[in-house]
Amino acid sequence: MATSVVSLPPRRHPDLEPLHVSPPTFEAVPPPGAKVRMGSEEHRRLLSRMMLDTHDAYKPALIHWPQLAEETRQRIVALPIWDIAVQTEGRAGMNMKTFAETVTDPVLHEALSMNAYEERRHKVVLSDMVEAYGIELEPEPEYQRPRDPEFAYMRTGYSECIDSFFGFGLFKLAKDTGFFPPELIETFEPVMREEGRHIVFFVNWVAWYRRQLPLWRRPWFEAKVLAVWAALIAERISMARGMGDGNTKAQENNFTLNGSKELGVEVTFPELARICLAENDRRLAPYDARLKRPKFVPAMMRLALQFAGKPKAATA
């Protein structure tokens, strides 16, 4: 039986047009089996071509949003995430676009520009979805160009490493419990795949870039990395403190840590951590094994599970 869809008027998304990847800057990646040293020219080519060669050229204007049962639509409308989700993608697109403009290496510039384009496309997809299902959003802020493009790019990249880890697990829960119907899961699957690509690209850019810096510049770069993590940790502590006082914005921001309850699923933290770890491994597995994967958040979750003990056996 054909799935009914929500029809939107024809829309153009000028901020997504055009996307050019110039053939003259093509560089072959190291052949399978060849060793790739972190920070080498081969590493730069491999991480850049991974981003460019795995691009999915879907167009948001052609997405058909499935017609949802009213009960399902109301559940989705009630999720306290849509404002922050749209705004996060808007800021990410601006931060990555601004940083890409500072990069002179042709292939790396194209890969970063592709990353920025896909972040802006995520925002368009989310904006179209909330329109299709009648979700009301707050007015969007004007997205400012960052004063320090490198710091803004790293903050966006490390934040995505955190949020994607939990997002993969919550998306799995939403699928398995039927909170999101199969048609909507299928519609959002390309976005989830892109988040995996983005974080693999980012951690490899960090590994490559720090090795390109002269020794006298590396301490300043590492100080920036620490400052980014300090800012992200402080941000999330602030979110946690705001959760119990009716702070709607804090609840939106903290969805990755409290999202299973919003999905109507009661899972323990160890159960959620194991789901996130399994989904993180699964979603990052398709990319070249010679590329690094994000390690910090998965390592922290595995450490936490050491103290949580083994899962209890089900009783008959």
Protein backbone atom coordinates (compact mmCIF):
# COMPACT_ATOMS: atom_id res chain seq x y z
CA MET A 1 0.00 0.00 0.00
CA ALA A 2 1.40 3.41 -0.93
CA THR A 3 2.36 5.67 1.92
CA SER A 4 0.54 9.00 2.02
CA VAL A 5 2.75 12.04 2.34
CA VAL A 6 2.55 15.57 3.63
CA SER A 7 2.72 17.93 0.67
CA LEU A 8 4.72 21.11 0.99
CA PRO A 9 4.65 23.90 -1.58
CA PRO A 10 7.65 23.86 -3.94
CA ARG A 11 10.63 25.33 -2.10
CA ARG A 12 14.04 26.54 -3.10
CA HIS A 13 16.88 26.54 -0.65
CA PRO A 14 19.30 29.16 -1.98
CA ASP A 15 21.80 28.65 0.85
CA LEU A 16 22.35 25.12 -0.52
CA GLU A 17 22.95 26.15 -4.11
CA PRO A 18 25.24 25.54 -5.81
CA LEU A 19 27.55 22.84 -4.48
CA HIS A 20 30.69 22.51 -6.55
CA VAL A 21 33.41 19.91 -6.11
CA SER A 22 36.04 20.63 -8.71
CA PRO A 23 37.37 17.58 -10.61
CA PRO A 24 40.86 19.11 -11.12
CA THR A 25 41.58 18.82 -7.39
CA PHE A 26 40.93 15.07 -7.30
CA GLU A 27 43.62 13.08 -5.51
CA ALA A 28 43.74 9.30 -5.34
CA VAL A 29 43.59 7.76 -1.88
CA PRO A 30 46.20 5.26 -0.68
CA PRO A 31 45.30 1.77 -1.98
CA PRO A 32 43.62 -0.70 0.39
CA GLY A 33 46.16 -2.38 2.65
CA ALA A 34 48.71 0.43 2.38
CA LYS A 35 49.71 1.83 5.75
CA VAL A 36 48.76 5.43 6.43
CA ARG A 37 50.72 7.40 9.02
CA MET A 38 48.67 9.88 11.05
CA GLY A 39 49.51 13.41 9.92
CA SER A 40 50.96 12.36 6.57
CA GLU A 41 49.94 13.58 3.11
CA GLU A 42 48.32 10.18 2.58
CA HIS A 43 46.26 10.74 5.72
CA ARG A 44 45.12 14.16 4.44
CA ARG A 45 44.05 12.64 1.11
CA LEU A 46 42.28 9.74 2.79
CA LEU A 47 40.23 11.87 5.19
CA SER A 48 39.37 14.42 2.49
CA ARG A 49 38.35 11.88 -0.13
CA MET A 50 36.29 9.98 2.45
CA MET A 51 34.17 13.09 2.93
CA LEU A 52 33.89 13.85 -0.78
CA ASP A 53 33.43 10.35 -2.15
CA THR A 54 30.70 9.27 0.30
CA HIS A 55 28.53 12.37 -0.22
CA ASP A 56 24.83 11.63 -0.73
CA ALA A 57 23.40 14.19 -3.15
CA TYR A 58 19.81 14.01 -1.90
CA LYS A 59 17.76 17.21 -2.18
CA PRO A 60 15.62 18.31 0.78
CA ALA A 61 13.03 19.79 -1.60
CA LEU A 62 12.35 16.28 -2.94
CA ILE A 63 11.80 14.61 0.44
CA HIS A 64 8.28 13.25 0.87
CA TRP A 65 7.25 13.53 4.50
CA PRO A 66 5.00 10.58 5.46
CA GLN A 67 1.52 11.29 6.73
CA LEU A 68 1.48 10.41 10.44
CA ALA A 69 -1.37 9.21 12.59
CA GLU A 70 -2.44 12.10 14.80
CA GLU A 71 -1.30 10.34 17.99
CA THR A 72 2.16 9.79 16.48
CA ARG A 73 2.33 13.37 15.22
CA GLN A 74 1.44 14.72 18.66
CA ARG A 75 4.19 12.62 20.29
CA ILE A 76 6.75 14.01 17.88
CA VAL A 77 5.49 17.59 18.22
CA ALA A 78 5.82 17.28 22.02
CA LEU A 79 9.53 16.41 21.92
CA PRO A 80 11.43 19.38 23.43
CA ILE A 81 14.22 19.31 20.85
CA TRP A 82 13.17 21.00 17.65
CA ASP A 83 14.20 24.59 18.37
CA ILE A 84 17.65 23.64 19.60
CA ALA A 85 18.08 21.07 16.81
CA VAL A 86 17.42 23.61 14.06
CA GLN A 87 19.56 26.28 15.73
CA THR A 88 22.43 23.87 16.40
CA GLU A 89 22.57 22.91 12.72
CA GLY A 90 22.38 26.58 11.74
CA ARG A 91 25.35 27.47 13.94
CA ALA A 92 27.28 24.40 12.80
CA GLY A 93 26.82 25.32 9.16
CA MET A 94 28.05 28.85 9.77
CA ASN A 95 31.02 27.74 11.87
CA MET A 96 32.17 25.15 9.35
CA LYS A 97 31.64 27.41 6.34
CA THR A 98 33.67 30.17 7.99
CA PHE A 99 36.50 27.81 8.87
CA ALA A 100 36.52 26.27 5.37
CA GLU A 101 37.14 29.74 3.96
CA THR A 102 40.44 29.91 5.86
CA VAL A 103 41.80 26.63 4.44
CA THR A 104 43.97 26.95 1.33
CA ASP A 105 44.66 23.27 0.53
CA PRO A 106 42.24 22.65 -2.40
CA VAL A 107 41.03 19.16 -1.53
CA LEU A 108 40.76 19.79 2.20
CA HIS A 109 38.93 23.04 1.46
CA GLU A 110 36.43 21.14 -0.68
CA ALA A 111 35.94 18.50 2.02
CA LEU A 112 35.32 21.16 4.69
CA SER A 113 32.98 23.03 2.37
CA MET A 114 31.10 19.79 1.79
CA ASN A 115 30.83 19.31 5.56
CA ALA A 116 29.45 22.84 5.92
CA TYR A 117 26.98 22.28 3.09
CA GLU A 118 25.68 19.10 4.69
CA GLU A 119 25.22 20.85 8.05
CA ARG A 120 23.17 23.56 6.34
CA ARG A 121 21.21 20.82 4.58
CA HIS A 122 20.45 19.18 7.94
CA LYS A 123 18.97 22.48 9.08
CA VAL A 124 16.81 22.66 5.94
CA VAL A 125 15.60 19.08 6.44
CA LEU A 126 14.63 19.81 10.04
CA SER A 127 12.97 23.09 9.08
CA ASP A 128 10.92 21.35 6.38
CA MET A 129 9.95 18.58 8.80
CA VAL A 130 8.65 20.93 11.48
CA GLU A 131 6.67 22.78 8.82
CA ALA A 132 5.21 19.54 7.47
CA TYR A 133 4.02 18.43 10.90
CA GLY A 134 2.93 21.78 12.27
CA ILE A 135 5.63 22.15 14.91
CA GLU A 136 5.95 25.74 16.10
CA LEU A 137 9.47 27.08 16.55
CA GLU A 138 10.85 30.15 18.21
CA PRO A 139 12.22 32.80 15.82
CA GLU A 140 15.72 31.78 14.75
CA PRO A 141 18.61 33.99 15.79
CA GLU A 142 20.92 35.49 13.24
CA TYR A 143 23.91 33.18 12.94
CA GLN A 144 27.05 35.27 13.43
CA ARG A 145 30.39 34.55 11.81
CA PRO A 146 32.75 33.41 14.60
CA ARG A 147 35.66 35.67 15.53
CA ASP A 148 37.96 32.64 15.85
CA PRO A 149 36.93 30.23 13.03
CA GLU A 150 39.30 27.48 14.17
CA PHE A 151 38.01 27.48 17.76
CA ALA A 152 34.38 27.57 16.54
CA TYR A 153 35.02 24.65 14.18
CA MET A 154 36.62 22.57 16.94
CA ARG A 155 33.82 23.35 19.37
CA THR A 156 31.26 22.27 16.78
CA GLY A 157 33.24 19.13 15.93
CA TYR A 158 33.78 17.95 19.50
CA SER A 159 30.18 18.77 20.39
CA GLU A 160 29.01 16.60 17.50
CA CYS A 161 31.20 13.76 18.76
CA ILE A 162 29.28 13.88 22.06
CA ASP A 163 25.79 14.42 20.66
CA SER A 164 26.10 11.91 17.83
CA PHE A 165 27.17 9.16 20.23
CA PHE A 166 23.97 9.53 22.25
CA GLY A 167 21.91 10.40 19.19
CA PHE A 168 22.78 7.10 17.52
CA GLY A 169 21.49 5.19 20.53
CA LEU A 170 18.32 7.27 20.92
CA PHE A 171 17.56 6.92 17.20
CA LYS A 172 17.88 3.15 17.62
CA LEU A 173 15.47 3.24 20.57
CA ALA A 174 13.00 5.38 18.62
CA LYS A 175 13.13 2.85 15.79
CA ASP A 176 12.86 -0.29 17.92
CA THR A 177 10.00 1.03 20.07
CA GLY A 178 8.03 2.39 17.13
CA PHE A 179 8.15 5.93 18.53
CA PHE A 180 9.23 6.98 15.03
CA PRO A 181 7.31 5.06 12.34
CA PRO A 182 9.40 3.18 9.75
CA GLU A 183 8.71 5.77 7.04
CA LEU A 184 10.11 8.59 9.19
CA ILE A 185 13.11 6.47 10.22
CA GLU A 186 13.87 5.90 6.54
CA THR A 187 13.57 9.63 5.81
CA PHE A 188 16.04 10.57 8.54
CA GLU A 189 18.52 7.76 7.93
CA PRO A 190 20.67 9.82 5.49
CA VAL A 191 21.05 12.53 8.14
CA MET A 192 22.23 9.98 10.70
CA ARG A 193 24.73 8.53 8.23
CA GLU A 194 26.11 11.99 7.60
CA GLU A 195 26.62 12.63 11.31
CA GLY A 196 28.81 9.54 11.43
CA ARG A 197 30.83 10.75 8.44
CA HIS A 198 31.24 14.17 9.99
CA ILE A 199 32.70 13.00 13.27
CA VAL A 200 35.09 10.55 11.57
CA PHE A 201 36.26 13.39 9.32
CA PHE A 202 36.63 15.78 12.26
CA VAL A 203 38.74 13.57 14.52
CA ASN A 204 41.01 12.76 11.59
CA TRP A 205 41.35 16.43 10.72
CA VAL A 206 42.44 17.07 14.34
CA ALA A 207 44.97 14.21 14.19
CA TRP A 208 46.33 15.43 10.85
CA TYR A 209 46.35 19.13 11.68
CA ARG A 210 48.17 18.93 15.01
CA ARG A 211 51.02 17.09 13.28
CA GLN A 212 51.28 19.79 10.62
CA LEU A 213 51.85 22.53 13.13
CA PRO A 214 55.40 23.62 13.94
CA LEU A 215 56.44 22.68 17.47
CA TRP A 216 56.15 26.22 18.76
CA ARG A 217 52.46 26.40 17.72
CA ARG A 218 51.36 23.06 19.15
CA PRO A 219 51.01 24.19 22.79
CA TRP A 220 48.59 26.92 21.69
CA PHE A 221 46.56 24.42 19.67
CA GLU A 222 46.40 21.98 22.60
CA ALA A 223 45.32 24.85 24.84
CA LYS A 224 42.47 25.50 22.40
CA VAL A 225 41.46 21.84 22.54
CA LEU A 226 41.37 21.97 26.35
CA ALA A 227 39.41 25.22 26.25
CA VAL A 228 36.86 23.63 23.92
CA TRP A 229 36.38 20.65 26.24
CA ALA A 230 36.16 22.93 29.27
CA ALA A 231 33.46 24.97 27.53
CA LEU A 232 31.51 21.85 26.54
CA ILE A 233 31.72 20.31 30.01
CA ALA A 234 30.65 23.57 31.66
CA GLU A 235 27.76 23.85 29.20
CA ARG A 236 26.51 20.38 30.00
CA ILE A 237 26.85 20.87 33.76
CA SER A 238 24.76 24.01 33.38
CA MET A 239 22.17 22.04 31.42
CA ALA A 240 21.98 19.35 34.10
CA ARG A 241 21.49 21.96 36.84
CA GLY A 242 18.66 23.55 34.87
CA MET A 243 16.75 20.33 34.31
CA GLY A 244 14.75 20.36 37.51
CA ASP A 245 13.70 24.01 37.67
CA GLY A 246 11.32 24.21 34.73
CA ASN A 247 14.02 25.53 32.44
CA THR A 248 12.65 24.55 29.02
CA LYS A 249 15.81 25.50 27.20
CA ALA A 250 17.89 23.30 29.49
CA GLN A 251 15.51 20.42 28.86
CA GLU A 252 15.91 20.86 25.10
CA ASN A 253 19.68 20.99 25.33
CA ASN A 254 19.88 18.00 27.67
CA PHE A 255 17.78 15.70 25.50
CA THR A 256 20.75 13.49 24.70
CA LEU A 257 21.07 12.59 28.39
CA ASN A 258 17.36 12.32 29.20
CA GLY A 259 15.98 11.35 25.81
CA SER A 260 14.90 7.78 26.56
CA LYS A 261 12.24 9.08 28.98
CA GLU A 262 11.01 11.53 26.35
CA LEU A 263 10.64 8.57 23.98
CA GLY A 264 8.51 6.78 26.56
CA VAL A 265 11.15 4.12 27.23
CA GLU A 266 12.44 3.28 30.68
CA VAL A 267 16.03 2.13 30.29
CA THR A 268 18.82 2.26 32.82
CA PHE A 269 21.95 4.26 32.13
CA PRO A 270 24.03 1.08 31.59
CA GLU A 271 21.45 -0.21 29.10
CA LEU A 272 21.46 3.07 27.21
CA ALA A 273 25.27 3.21 27.24
CA ARG A 274 25.50 -0.28 25.73
CA ILE A 275 23.00 0.60 23.01
CA CYS A 276 24.93 3.78 22.20
CA LEU A 277 28.26 1.93 22.09
CA ALA A 278 26.88 -0.74 19.76
CA GLU A 279 25.25 1.80 17.44
CA ASN A 280 28.34 4.01 17.43
CA ASP A 281 30.49 1.04 16.37
CA ARG A 282 27.97 -0.02 13.73
CA ARG A 283 27.56 3.40 12.15
CA LEU A 284 31.28 4.14 11.99
CA ALA A 285 32.27 0.67 10.74
CA PRO A 286 31.75 1.34 6.98
CA TYR A 287 34.54 3.93 6.78
CA ASP A 288 38.14 3.10 5.99
CA ALA A 289 39.64 1.27 8.96
CA ARG A 290 42.82 3.35 8.62
CA LEU A 291 40.91 6.44 9.73
CA LYS A 292 40.63 7.26 13.42
CA ARG A 293 37.32 7.07 15.26
CA PRO A 294 36.15 9.32 18.10
CA LYS A 295 37.47 7.73 21.30
CA PHE A 296 36.83 9.98 24.29
CA VAL A 297 33.07 9.54 24.81
CA PRO A 298 33.04 5.78 24.04
CA ALA A 299 36.00 5.31 26.39
CA MET A 300 34.19 7.21 29.17
CA MET A 301 31.08 5.10 28.66
CA ARG A 302 33.09 1.87 28.78
CA LEU A 303 34.77 3.08 31.96
CA ALA A 304 31.39 3.89 33.50
CA LEU A 305 30.14 0.42 32.59
CA GLN A 306 33.09 -1.09 34.46
CA PHE A 307 31.67 0.41 37.65
CA ALA A 308 28.06 -0.34 36.74
CA GLY A 309 28.68 -4.08 36.68
CA LYS A 310 27.26 -6.71 34.37
CA PRO A 311 23.62 -6.56 33.24
CA LYS A 312 21.25 -8.61 35.38
CA ALA A 313 20.05 -11.86 33.89
CA ALA A 314 16.38 -11.90 32.95
CA THR A 315 14.20 -13.87 35.36
CA ALA A 316 12.02 -16.65 34.07
